[in-house]
Amino acid sequence: MHEVSATFQEAAIKESKSKLTKLKRRREELSTLIKKLYESYALDKIPENHFEELLKGYDTEQQTLDSEITHLQSEIDFFNTESVKADKFIELVNRHTEFTTFSAVLLNEFIEKVIIHEAVKINGRRTQQVDIYLNYIGKFELPASELPAPLEPPPLTASRGRKLRCYMTEEELMHKCAVPKGNRSRLTPTTVRLWVDLKYLRRYLPLV
């Protein structure tokens, strides 16, 4: 789905660039026409009412073109900026394909900010939303297939008899993701979850 969306965006931007080129060319033509119109009027080649009518039409078209050109240029600039960010993020992930040492440097490379929402209780179960914003690409969300049903937390998966990551304790998560024992005592529950998300991040890179 992501590849289809990316292909569609690239095609749309290519079309926008083509349209922008045509609009700029027409804008230059109008400038030439207006200049010639003034020259014709100065030499008394056209009556004043025709001059005013033609000038008004050219001015209106110029204003419309200027608005469209600004809009298209903004779209293209935004796409180029986002493409550069995506390339930088992919380069970052490729540098850390396999990491075993948990450090502040690693977190700072990947994470821009973390927003922790107020904890709430739903059907007697304490829930707390944590939003993770990664450098270059912004808020990171797991695909829907990885998210648990919020009100029906089965302790085991039906097919393999293993606990889902979202229902593991912090100690179980650290063991699963090979967090060095010497670092475990210094980790908070939120930091543990960040470690786990980073360990699984490359798995979802094609979806970013």
C-alpha atoms as a PDB file:
ATOM      1  CA  MET A   1       0.000   0.000   0.000  1.00  0.00           C
ATOM      2  CA  HIS A   2       2.829   2.367   0.845  1.00  0.00           C
ATOM      3  CA  GLU A   3       4.578   1.652  -2.467  1.00  0.00           C
ATOM      4  CA  VAL A   4       1.354   2.357  -4.367  1.00  0.00           C
ATOM      5  CA  SER A   5       0.915   5.630  -2.485  1.00  0.00           C
ATOM      6  CA  ALA A   6       4.533   6.654  -3.136  1.00  0.00           C
ATOM      7  CA  THR A   7       4.186   5.877  -6.843  1.00  0.00           C
ATOM      8  CA  PHE A   8       0.982   7.901  -6.999  1.00  0.00           C
ATOM      9  CA  GLN A   9       2.680  10.854  -5.285  1.00  0.00           C
ATOM     10  CA  GLU A  10       5.624  10.762  -7.659  1.00  0.00           C
ATOM     11  CA  ALA A  11       3.276  10.708 -10.652  1.00  0.00           C
ATOM     12  CA  ALA A  12       1.277  13.622  -9.223  1.00  0.00           C
ATOM     13  CA  ILE A  13       4.424  15.666  -8.602  1.00  0.00           C
ATOM     14  CA  LYS A  14       5.684  14.931 -12.110  1.00  0.00           C
ATOM     15  CA  GLU A  15       2.391  16.210 -13.492  1.00  0.00           C
ATOM     16  CA  SER A  16       2.586  19.291 -11.247  1.00  0.00           C
ATOM     17  CA  LYS A  17       6.087  20.085 -12.502  1.00  0.00           C
ATOM     18  CA  SER A  18       4.911  19.825 -16.099  1.00  0.00           C
ATOM     19  CA  LYS A  19       1.941  22.070 -15.401  1.00  0.00           C
ATOM     20  CA  LEU A  20       4.154  24.560 -13.554  1.00  0.00           C
ATOM     21  CA  THR A  21       6.456  24.834 -16.564  1.00  0.00           C
ATOM     22  CA  LYS A  22       3.489  25.590 -18.855  1.00  0.00           C
ATOM     23  CA  LEU A  23       2.081  28.194 -16.467  1.00  0.00           C
ATOM     24  CA  LYS A  24       5.424  29.986 -16.198  1.00  0.00           C
ATOM     25  CA  ARG A  25       5.746  29.987 -19.976  1.00  0.00           C
ATOM     26  CA  ARG A  26       2.267  31.514 -20.313  1.00  0.00           C
ATOM     27  CA  ARG A  27       3.170  34.088 -17.640  1.00  0.00           C
ATOM     28  CA  GLU A  28       6.130  35.212 -19.723  1.00  0.00           C
ATOM     29  CA  GLU A  29       3.939  35.379 -22.837  1.00  0.00           C
ATOM     30  CA  LEU A  30       1.484  37.649 -21.043  1.00  0.00           C
ATOM     31  CA  SER A  31       4.271  40.014 -20.017  1.00  0.00           C
ATOM     32  CA  THR A  32       5.304  40.273 -23.662  1.00  0.00           C
ATOM     33  CA  LEU A  33       1.707  40.809 -24.800  1.00  0.00           C
ATOM     34  CA  ILE A  34       1.150  43.575 -22.234  1.00  0.00           C
ATOM     35  CA  LYS A  35       4.331  45.317 -23.335  1.00  0.00           C
ATOM     36  CA  LYS A  36       3.232  45.186 -26.981  1.00  0.00           C
ATOM     37  CA  LEU A  37      -0.239  46.369 -25.995  1.00  0.00           C
ATOM     38  CA  TYR A  38       1.188  49.491 -24.370  1.00  0.00           C
ATOM     39  CA  GLU A  39       3.340  50.128 -27.418  1.00  0.00           C
ATOM     40  CA  SER A  40       0.328  49.809 -29.747  1.00  0.00           C
ATOM     41  CA  TYR A  41      -1.712  52.143 -27.556  1.00  0.00           C
ATOM     42  CA  ALA A  42       1.104  54.690 -27.430  1.00  0.00           C
ATOM     43  CA  LEU A  43       1.285  54.680 -31.238  1.00  0.00           C
ATOM     44  CA  ASP A  44      -2.505  55.090 -31.496  1.00  0.00           C
ATOM     45  CA  LYS A  45      -2.852  51.706 -33.220  1.00  0.00           C
ATOM     46  CA  ILE A  46      -5.788  50.652 -30.996  1.00  0.00           C
ATOM     47  CA  PRO A  47      -8.573  52.725 -29.457  1.00  0.00           C
ATOM     48  CA  GLU A  48      -8.558  53.378 -25.706  1.00  0.00           C
ATOM     49  CA  ASN A  49     -11.598  51.174 -24.948  1.00  0.00           C
ATOM     50  CA  HIS A  50      -9.946  48.172 -26.626  1.00  0.00           C
ATOM     51  CA  PHE A  51      -6.717  48.882 -24.770  1.00  0.00           C
ATOM     52  CA  GLU A  52      -8.457  48.941 -21.386  1.00  0.00           C
ATOM     53  CA  GLU A  53     -10.475  45.818 -22.118  1.00  0.00           C
ATOM     54  CA  LEU A  54      -7.432  43.824 -23.258  1.00  0.00           C
ATOM     55  CA  LEU A  55      -5.299  45.067 -20.357  1.00  0.00           C
ATOM     56  CA  LYS A  56      -7.956  44.104 -17.833  1.00  0.00           C
ATOM     57  CA  GLY A  57      -8.151  40.592 -19.297  1.00  0.00           C
ATOM     58  CA  TYR A  58      -4.374  40.188 -19.228  1.00  0.00           C
ATOM     59  CA  ASP A  59      -4.160  41.441 -15.647  1.00  0.00           C
ATOM     60  CA  THR A  60      -6.858  39.007 -14.489  1.00  0.00           C
ATOM     61  CA  GLU A  61      -5.124  36.087 -16.173  1.00  0.00           C
ATOM     62  CA  GLN A  62      -1.781  37.095 -14.662  1.00  0.00           C
ATOM     63  CA  GLN A  63      -3.242  37.140 -11.153  1.00  0.00           C
ATOM     64  CA  THR A  64      -4.744  33.669 -11.670  1.00  0.00           C
ATOM     65  CA  LEU A  65      -1.459  32.350 -13.016  1.00  0.00           C
ATOM     66  CA  ASP A  66       0.526  33.821 -10.126  1.00  0.00           C
ATOM     67  CA  SER A  67      -1.774  32.114  -7.623  1.00  0.00           C
ATOM     68  CA  GLU A  68      -1.534  28.720  -9.379  1.00  0.00           C
ATOM     69  CA  ILE A  69       2.233  28.997  -9.766  1.00  0.00           C
ATOM     70  CA  THR A  70       2.681  29.741  -6.051  1.00  0.00           C
ATOM     71  CA  HIS A  71       0.454  26.801  -5.083  1.00  0.00           C
ATOM     72  CA  LEU A  72       2.191  24.303  -7.371  1.00  0.00           C
ATOM     73  CA  GLN A  73       5.652  25.472  -6.328  1.00  0.00           C
ATOM     74  CA  SER A  74       4.721  25.000  -2.666  1.00  0.00           C
ATOM     75  CA  GLU A  75       3.538  21.443  -3.351  1.00  0.00           C
ATOM     76  CA  ILE A  76       6.743  20.574  -5.194  1.00  0.00           C
ATOM     77  CA  ASP A  77       8.972  22.125  -2.517  1.00  0.00           C
ATOM     78  CA  PHE A  78       7.120  20.212   0.212  1.00  0.00           C
ATOM     79  CA  PHE A  79       7.482  16.910  -1.666  1.00  0.00           C
ATOM     80  CA  ASN A  80      11.200  17.496  -2.188  1.00  0.00           C
ATOM     81  CA  THR A  81      11.690  18.304   1.494  1.00  0.00           C
ATOM     82  CA  GLU A  82       9.820  15.186   2.628  1.00  0.00           C
ATOM     83  CA  SER A  83      11.786  13.037   0.187  1.00  0.00           C
ATOM     84  CA  VAL A  84      15.062  14.297   1.624  1.00  0.00           C
ATOM     85  CA  LYS A  85      13.821  13.560   5.164  1.00  0.00           C
ATOM     86  CA  ALA A  86      12.798  10.034   4.184  1.00  0.00           C
ATOM     87  CA  ASP A  87      16.198   9.383   2.599  1.00  0.00           C
ATOM     88  CA  LYS A  88      17.968  10.591   5.748  1.00  0.00           C
ATOM     89  CA  PHE A  89      15.815   8.361   7.942  1.00  0.00           C
ATOM     90  CA  ILE A  90      16.486   5.292   5.766  1.00  0.00           C
ATOM     91  CA  GLU A  91      20.201   6.053   5.950  1.00  0.00           C
ATOM     92  CA  LEU A  92      19.938   6.279   9.754  1.00  0.00           C
ATOM     93  CA  VAL A  93      18.133   2.931  10.026  1.00  0.00           C
ATOM     94  CA  ASN A  94      20.656   1.255   7.743  1.00  0.00           C
ATOM     95  CA  ARG A  95      23.471   2.398  10.057  1.00  0.00           C
ATOM     96  CA  HIS A  96      21.788   0.661  12.970  1.00  0.00           C
ATOM     97  CA  THR A  97      20.484  -2.546  11.412  1.00  0.00           C
ATOM     98  CA  GLU A  98      21.584  -4.526  14.465  1.00  0.00           C
ATOM     99  CA  PHE A  99      22.179  -2.720  17.746  1.00  0.00           C
ATOM    100  CA  THR A 100      22.786  -4.360  21.115  1.00  0.00           C
ATOM    101  CA  THR A 101      23.886  -1.431  23.281  1.00  0.00           C
ATOM    102  CA  PHE A 102      21.144   0.760  24.695  1.00  0.00           C
ATOM    103  CA  SER A 103      22.368   4.353  25.010  1.00  0.00           C
ATOM    104  CA  ALA A 104      21.184   7.946  25.093  1.00  0.00           C
ATOM    105  CA  VAL A 105      23.099   8.569  21.858  1.00  0.00           C
ATOM    106  CA  LEU A 106      21.068   5.920  20.055  1.00  0.00           C
ATOM    107  CA  LEU A 107      17.787   7.319  21.351  1.00  0.00           C
ATOM    108  CA  ASN A 108      18.746  10.865  20.371  1.00  0.00           C
ATOM    109  CA  GLU A 109      19.614   9.724  16.860  1.00  0.00           C
ATOM    110  CA  PHE A 110      16.220   8.150  16.333  1.00  0.00           C
ATOM    111  CA  ILE A 111      13.818  10.053  18.555  1.00  0.00           C
ATOM    112  CA  GLU A 112      12.837  13.698  18.259  1.00  0.00           C
ATOM    113  CA  LYS A 113      10.411  13.752  21.181  1.00  0.00           C
ATOM    114  CA  VAL A 114       8.073  11.613  23.257  1.00  0.00           C
ATOM    115  CA  ILE A 115       4.654  12.784  24.424  1.00  0.00           C
ATOM    116  CA  ILE A 116       3.204  10.851  27.360  1.00  0.00           C
ATOM    117  CA  HIS A 117      -0.527  11.342  27.843  1.00  0.00           C
ATOM    118  CA  GLU A 118      -2.393  11.147  31.098  1.00  0.00           C
ATOM    119  CA  ALA A 119      -3.228   7.599  32.184  1.00  0.00           C
ATOM    120  CA  VAL A 120      -6.886   6.571  32.019  1.00  0.00           C
ATOM    121  CA  LYS A 121      -8.857   3.500  33.018  1.00  0.00           C
ATOM    122  CA  ILE A 122     -10.977   1.649  30.470  1.00  0.00           C
ATOM    123  CA  ASN A 123     -13.110  -1.190  31.846  1.00  0.00           C
ATOM    124  CA  GLY A 124     -10.907  -1.262  34.922  1.00  0.00           C
ATOM    125  CA  ARG A 125      -7.683  -1.499  32.935  1.00  0.00           C
ATOM    126  CA  ARG A 126      -5.083   1.281  33.207  1.00  0.00           C
ATOM    127  CA  THR A 127      -4.116   2.618  29.786  1.00  0.00           C
ATOM    128  CA  GLN A 128      -1.608   5.301  28.887  1.00  0.00           C
ATOM    129  CA  GLN A 129      -0.945   6.626  25.409  1.00  0.00           C
ATOM    130  CA  VAL A 130       2.661   7.334  24.456  1.00  0.00           C
ATOM    131  CA  ASP A 131       3.359   9.157  21.172  1.00  0.00           C
ATOM    132  CA  ILE A 132       6.839   8.682  19.728  1.00  0.00           C
ATOM    133  CA  TYR A 133       8.091  11.208  17.157  1.00  0.00           C
ATOM    134  CA  LEU A 134      11.080  10.001  15.170  1.00  0.00           C
ATOM    135  CA  ASN A 135      13.635  12.288  13.604  1.00  0.00           C
ATOM    136  CA  TYR A 136      12.930  13.136   9.961  1.00  0.00           C
ATOM    137  CA  ILE A 137       9.574  11.301   9.671  1.00  0.00           C
ATOM    138  CA  GLY A 138       7.567  12.481  12.681  1.00  0.00           C
ATOM    139  CA  LYS A 139       5.057  10.406  14.640  1.00  0.00           C
ATOM    140  CA  PHE A 140       5.632   6.676  14.366  1.00  0.00           C
ATOM    141  CA  GLU A 141       2.718   4.263  14.598  1.00  0.00           C
ATOM    142  CA  LEU A 142       2.788   0.498  14.309  1.00  0.00           C
ATOM    143  CA  PRO A 143       0.711  -1.026  11.488  1.00  0.00           C
ATOM    144  CA  ALA A 144      -2.827  -1.974  12.506  1.00  0.00           C
ATOM    145  CA  SER A 145      -1.936  -5.680  12.335  1.00  0.00           C
ATOM    146  CA  GLU A 146       0.514  -5.191  15.204  1.00  0.00           C
ATOM    147  CA  LEU A 147      -1.881  -3.277  17.451  1.00  0.00           C
ATOM    148  CA  PRO A 148      -3.845  -5.211  20.101  1.00  0.00           C
ATOM    149  CA  ALA A 149      -7.590  -5.161  20.591  1.00  0.00           C
ATOM    150  CA  PRO A 150      -7.822  -2.578  23.428  1.00  0.00           C
ATOM    151  CA  LEU A 151     -10.599  -4.254  25.424  1.00  0.00           C
ATOM    152  CA  GLU A 152      -9.786  -7.926  24.817  1.00  0.00           C
ATOM    153  CA  PRO A 153      -6.174  -8.589  25.862  1.00  0.00           C
ATOM    154  CA  PRO A 154      -5.545 -12.327  25.310  1.00  0.00           C
ATOM    155  CA  PRO A 155      -2.358 -13.333  27.161  1.00  0.00           C
ATOM    156  CA  LEU A 156      -1.224 -15.722  24.408  1.00  0.00           C
ATOM    157  CA  THR A 157      -1.355 -15.763  20.625  1.00  0.00           C
ATOM    158  CA  ALA A 158      -3.582 -18.497  19.256  1.00  0.00           C
ATOM    159  CA  SER A 159      -1.114 -19.830  16.707  1.00  0.00           C
ATOM    160  CA  ARG A 160       2.211 -19.969  18.546  1.00  0.00           C
ATOM    161  CA  GLY A 161       1.304 -19.819  22.222  1.00  0.00           C
ATOM    162  CA  ARG A 162       3.559 -16.808  22.816  1.00  0.00           C
ATOM    163  CA  LYS A 163       2.751 -13.603  24.608  1.00  0.00           C
ATOM    164  CA  LEU A 164       2.128 -10.563  22.455  1.00  0.00           C
ATOM    165  CA  ARG A 165       4.726  -7.832  22.991  1.00  0.00           C
ATOM    166  CA  CYS A 166       2.084  -5.367  24.144  1.00  0.00           C
ATOM    167  CA  TYR A 167       1.170  -7.664  27.069  1.00  0.00           C
ATOM    168  CA  MET A 168       4.690  -8.505  28.195  1.00  0.00           C
ATOM    169  CA  THR A 169       6.149  -7.103  31.392  1.00  0.00           C
ATOM    170  CA  GLU A 170       9.103  -4.730  31.126  1.00  0.00           C
ATOM    171  CA  GLU A 171      11.431  -7.542  32.277  1.00  0.00           C
ATOM    172  CA  GLU A 172      10.064  -9.910  29.622  1.00  0.00           C
ATOM    173  CA  LEU A 173      10.483  -7.249  26.943  1.00  0.00           C
ATOM    174  CA  MET A 174      14.070  -6.559  27.950  1.00  0.00           C
ATOM    175  CA  HIS A 175      14.872 -10.266  27.851  1.00  0.00           C
ATOM    176  CA  LYS A 176      13.161 -10.684  24.438  1.00  0.00           C
ATOM    177  CA  CYS A 177      15.073  -7.776  22.908  1.00  0.00           C
ATOM    178  CA  ALA A 178      18.402  -8.670  24.551  1.00  0.00           C
ATOM    179  CA  VAL A 179      18.764  -5.530  26.642  1.00  0.00           C
ATOM    180  CA  PRO A 180      22.090  -5.892  28.527  1.00  0.00           C
ATOM    181  CA  LYS A 181      21.457  -6.783  32.168  1.00  0.00           C
ATOM    182  CA  GLY A 182      23.753  -4.014  33.347  1.00  0.00           C
ATOM    183  CA  ASN A 183      21.435  -1.452  31.769  1.00  0.00           C
ATOM    184  CA  ARG A 184      18.116  -2.840  32.963  1.00  0.00           C
ATOM    185  CA  SER A 185      18.054  -1.226  36.381  1.00  0.00           C
ATOM    186  CA  ARG A 186      18.405   2.230  34.818  1.00  0.00           C
ATOM    187  CA  LEU A 187      15.467   1.858  32.410  1.00  0.00           C
ATOM    188  CA  THR A 188      11.991   3.207  33.034  1.00  0.00           C
ATOM    189  CA  PRO A 189       8.900   1.431  31.603  1.00  0.00           C
ATOM    190  CA  THR A 190       8.577   4.115  28.925  1.00  0.00           C
ATOM    191  CA  THR A 191      12.231   3.769  27.925  1.00  0.00           C
ATOM    192  CA  VAL A 192      11.842  -0.001  27.664  1.00  0.00           C
ATOM    193  CA  ARG A 193       8.963   0.458  25.230  1.00  0.00           C
ATOM    194  CA  LEU A 194      11.130   2.842  23.164  1.00  0.00           C
ATOM    195  CA  TRP A 195      13.860   0.192  23.049  1.00  0.00           C
ATOM    196  CA  VAL A 196      11.383  -2.402  21.803  1.00  0.00           C
ATOM    197  CA  ASP A 197       9.982  -0.072  19.122  1.00  0.00           C
ATOM    198  CA  LEU A 198      13.490   0.661  17.866  1.00  0.00           C
ATOM    199  CA  LYS A 199      14.311  -3.049  17.724  1.00  0.00           C
ATOM    200  CA  TYR A 200      11.224  -3.643  15.573  1.00  0.00           C
ATOM    201  CA  LEU A 201      11.526  -0.457  13.499  1.00  0.00           C
ATOM    202  CA  ARG A 202      13.490  -1.892  10.579  1.00  0.00           C
ATOM    203  CA  ARG A 203      10.840  -4.553  10.172  1.00  0.00           C
ATOM    204  CA  TYR A 204       8.364  -1.821   9.186  1.00  0.00           C
ATOM    205  CA  LEU A 205      10.714   0.411   7.214  1.00  0.00           C
ATOM    206  CA  PRO A 206       8.894  -0.222   3.867  1.00  0.00           C
ATOM    207  CA  LEU A 207       5.763   1.197   5.492  1.00  0.00           C
ATOM    208  CA  VAL A 208       7.372   4.508   6.475  1.00  0.00           C
END
